[in-house]
Protein backbone atom coordinates (compact mmCIF):
# COMPACT_ATOMS: atom_id res chain seq x y z
CA MET A 1 227.31 153.97 134.19
CA THR A 2 230.76 153.50 135.41
CA ILE A 3 232.38 156.18 137.35
CA GLU A 4 235.20 156.61 140.13
CA LEU A 5 236.14 158.87 142.36
CA VAL A 6 239.82 160.12 142.02
CA PRO A 7 241.35 162.57 143.94
CA THR A 8 241.71 165.90 142.03
CA THR A 9 245.08 166.51 140.85
CA ASP A 10 244.17 170.09 138.80
CA ARG A 11 242.08 172.60 141.43
CA GLU A 12 242.41 175.12 138.15
CA ASN A 13 240.40 172.90 136.01
CA PHE A 14 237.86 171.84 139.24
CA ILE A 15 237.26 175.64 139.10
CA ALA A 16 236.56 175.93 135.45
CA ASN A 17 234.12 173.07 135.40
CA ILE A 18 232.39 173.43 138.38
CA GLN A 19 231.94 177.19 137.26
CA ALA A 20 230.46 176.15 133.31
CA ALA A 21 228.55 174.11 135.13
CA PHE A 22 226.83 176.32 137.92
CA LYS A 23 226.45 178.98 134.97
CA ALA A 24 224.65 176.67 132.67
CA ALA A 25 221.54 176.56 135.29
CA VAL A 26 221.72 180.11 135.93
CA VAL A 27 221.77 181.26 132.34
CA ASP A 28 218.58 178.77 131.83
CA GLU A 29 216.73 180.64 134.29
CA PHE A 30 217.87 184.30 134.49
CA GLY A 31 219.76 184.96 131.36
CA ASP A 32 223.39 185.96 131.03
CA ASP A 33 224.31 188.86 133.16
CA GLY A 34 228.35 187.94 132.73
CA LYS A 35 228.58 187.96 136.25
CA GLU A 36 231.00 184.86 137.45
CA ILE A 37 228.49 182.46 138.97
CA ILE A 38 230.04 180.72 141.71
CA PRO A 39 233.08 182.82 142.53
CA ARG A 40 236.49 180.92 142.90
CA GLU A 41 236.99 182.36 146.48
CA ASP A 42 233.62 180.25 146.88
CA VAL A 43 234.87 177.07 145.48
CA GLU A 44 238.89 177.27 147.41
CA LYS A 45 237.14 178.03 150.60
CA SER A 46 234.82 174.80 150.09
CA PHE A 47 238.87 173.15 148.87
CA ALA A 48 240.14 174.96 152.29
CA ALA A 49 237.63 173.99 154.83
CA GLU A 50 239.19 171.17 157.29
CA ASP A 51 238.26 167.89 156.10
CA ALA A 52 237.64 168.60 152.82
CA GLU A 53 238.12 165.71 150.26
CA ILE A 54 238.29 166.62 146.79
CA PHE A 55 237.71 164.57 144.04
CA ASP A 56 237.25 164.72 139.72
CA ILE A 57 234.54 162.53 138.63
CA VAL A 58 235.85 160.33 135.90
CA SER A 59 234.11 158.35 133.77
CA GLY A 60 235.81 156.07 130.31
CA GLY A 61 239.21 157.83 131.62
CA LYS A 62 237.26 161.36 130.86
CA ILE A 63 236.51 164.20 133.94
CA VAL A 64 232.96 164.49 134.00
CA GLY A 65 232.17 165.92 137.11
CA GLY A 66 233.46 166.91 140.38
CA VAL A 67 232.80 166.26 143.90
CA VAL A 68 234.20 168.10 147.42
CA VAL A 69 233.11 166.56 150.10
CA VAL A 70 233.61 167.53 154.25
CA ILE A 71 234.09 164.41 156.70
CA ARG A 72 233.78 165.09 160.37
CA PRO A 73 235.24 163.02 163.46
CA ASP A 74 230.77 162.88 164.10
CA ASN A 75 229.97 161.72 160.93
CA HIS A 76 227.61 164.47 159.83
CA ASN A 77 228.93 165.01 156.80
CA GLU A 78 228.66 167.49 154.19
CA LEU A 79 228.46 167.09 150.48
CA SER A 80 229.91 170.81 149.77
CA LEU A 81 229.60 170.93 146.08
CA LEU A 82 228.90 168.48 143.44
CA TYR A 83 228.81 168.76 139.70
CA VAL A 84 228.38 166.54 136.35
CA ASN A 85 229.57 168.66 133.19
CA VAL A 86 226.78 170.11 131.10
CA ASP A 87 227.76 167.48 127.95
CA CYS A 88 227.14 164.78 130.40
CA HIS A 89 223.96 165.91 132.00
CA SER A 90 220.90 163.23 132.11
CA LYS A 91 223.33 160.12 131.70
CA GLY A 92 223.46 158.74 135.54
CA ILE A 93 226.70 160.07 135.89
CA GLY A 94 225.48 162.32 139.48
CA SER A 95 223.67 159.32 140.61
CA ALA A 96 226.40 156.64 140.07
CA ALA A 97 228.26 159.41 141.99
CA TRP A 98 226.33 159.93 145.09
CA ARG A 99 226.41 156.07 145.17
CA ALA A 100 230.12 155.78 145.38
CA ILE A 101 230.15 158.80 147.88
CA GLU A 102 227.74 156.98 149.88
CA GLN A 103 229.92 153.34 149.59
CA LEU A 104 233.25 155.13 150.81
CA TYR A 105 232.07 156.95 153.61
CA PRO A 106 229.87 153.77 155.13
CA ALA A 107 230.11 155.53 158.51
CA THR A 108 228.41 158.84 157.52
CA LYS A 109 225.28 159.66 160.20
CA VAL A 110 223.78 162.45 158.30
CA TRP A 111 224.45 163.94 155.00
CA GLU A 112 224.17 167.52 154.68
CA THR A 113 223.59 170.06 151.26
CA VAL A 114 222.42 173.00 150.11
CA THR A 115 221.25 173.81 146.22
CA PRO A 116 219.48 177.34 145.32
CA TYR A 117 215.72 177.26 145.09
CA PHE A 118 215.71 177.87 141.18
CA GLU A 119 217.84 174.91 140.41
CA LYS A 120 215.20 172.44 139.44
CA ARG A 121 217.32 169.42 138.57
CA ASN A 122 219.07 169.42 141.72
CA LEU A 123 215.94 169.91 143.59
CA HIS A 124 215.03 166.42 141.56
CA PHE A 125 218.12 164.76 141.79
CA TYR A 126 218.75 164.85 145.88
CA ILE A 127 215.03 164.73 146.74
CA ASN A 128 214.00 162.17 143.96
CA LYS A 129 217.42 160.33 142.84
CA CYS A 130 219.72 160.41 146.13
CA GLY A 131 217.24 160.49 149.21
CA PHE A 132 217.70 164.04 150.85
CA HIS A 133 214.91 165.66 152.53
CA ALA A 134 214.66 169.65 152.43
CA VAL A 135 214.57 170.33 156.13
CA GLU A 136 215.53 174.29 156.06
CA PHE A 137 214.54 176.96 153.56
CA PHE A 138 216.68 179.88 154.01
CA ASN A 139 215.40 183.72 152.12
CA PRO A 140 215.52 187.10 153.72
CA LYS A 141 213.63 186.19 156.75
CA HIS A 142 215.51 183.53 157.60
CA LYS A 143 218.77 183.65 156.73
CA ASP A 144 221.68 180.99 156.72
CA PRO A 145 224.01 181.84 159.53
CA ASN A 146 226.91 179.95 157.63
CA ALA A 147 227.09 181.57 154.41
CA PRO A 148 225.84 185.16 152.53
CA GLY A 149 224.77 184.31 149.20
CA GLU A 150 223.72 187.75 148.13
CA ASP A 151 226.53 187.30 145.14
CA PHE A 152 224.39 184.39 143.90
CA PRO A 153 222.07 185.70 141.31
CA SER A 154 218.79 183.19 143.62
CA GLY A 155 220.22 185.80 146.95
CA GLU A 156 219.56 184.16 149.93
CA TYR A 157 216.77 181.65 148.62
CA PHE A 158 218.57 178.12 149.29
CA PHE A 159 217.13 174.52 150.06
CA ARG A 160 218.61 172.95 153.04
CA PHE A 161 218.75 169.10 152.51
CA GLU A 162 220.16 166.30 155.08
CA LYS A 163 220.17 162.50 154.26
CA VAL A 164 219.91 160.42 157.50
CA MET A 165 222.21 156.97 157.14
CA ARG A 166 221.78 155.87 160.57
CA GLN A 167 220.89 156.73 164.10
């Protein structure tokens, strides 16, 4: 799969696409209660993070996903958001995008990301496809100090993953 990471020029489209992609996973697991799955404010907050870089994932001239990374001076970087459009799942786009991200930031020492506990596709993707390791499980007895999470259908249940690239 050939993809390009292209700096996004249409944040509204990015927000609409990521909301649709995240909603599909939640509807599959919990049904549709009509709630906004990833609130616009959360996406905009990731855009506004210091050192955030926002890309569309493009294949064949078409936007097929998107990614927000936070590149820190200490090279302990964050994969803040990653999505692939629902109609593009299981085509290798996510894996190709991840390889492109790693190539774009070779100085990275550690990548970090979080995902909801129920999102089996993400768990498979991060662990089996990308080489991340689960290092922490956020839940009501061990809360994420950086994110409230109460509005998400999974509540406060998230895995934190790390991928050590170099020491």
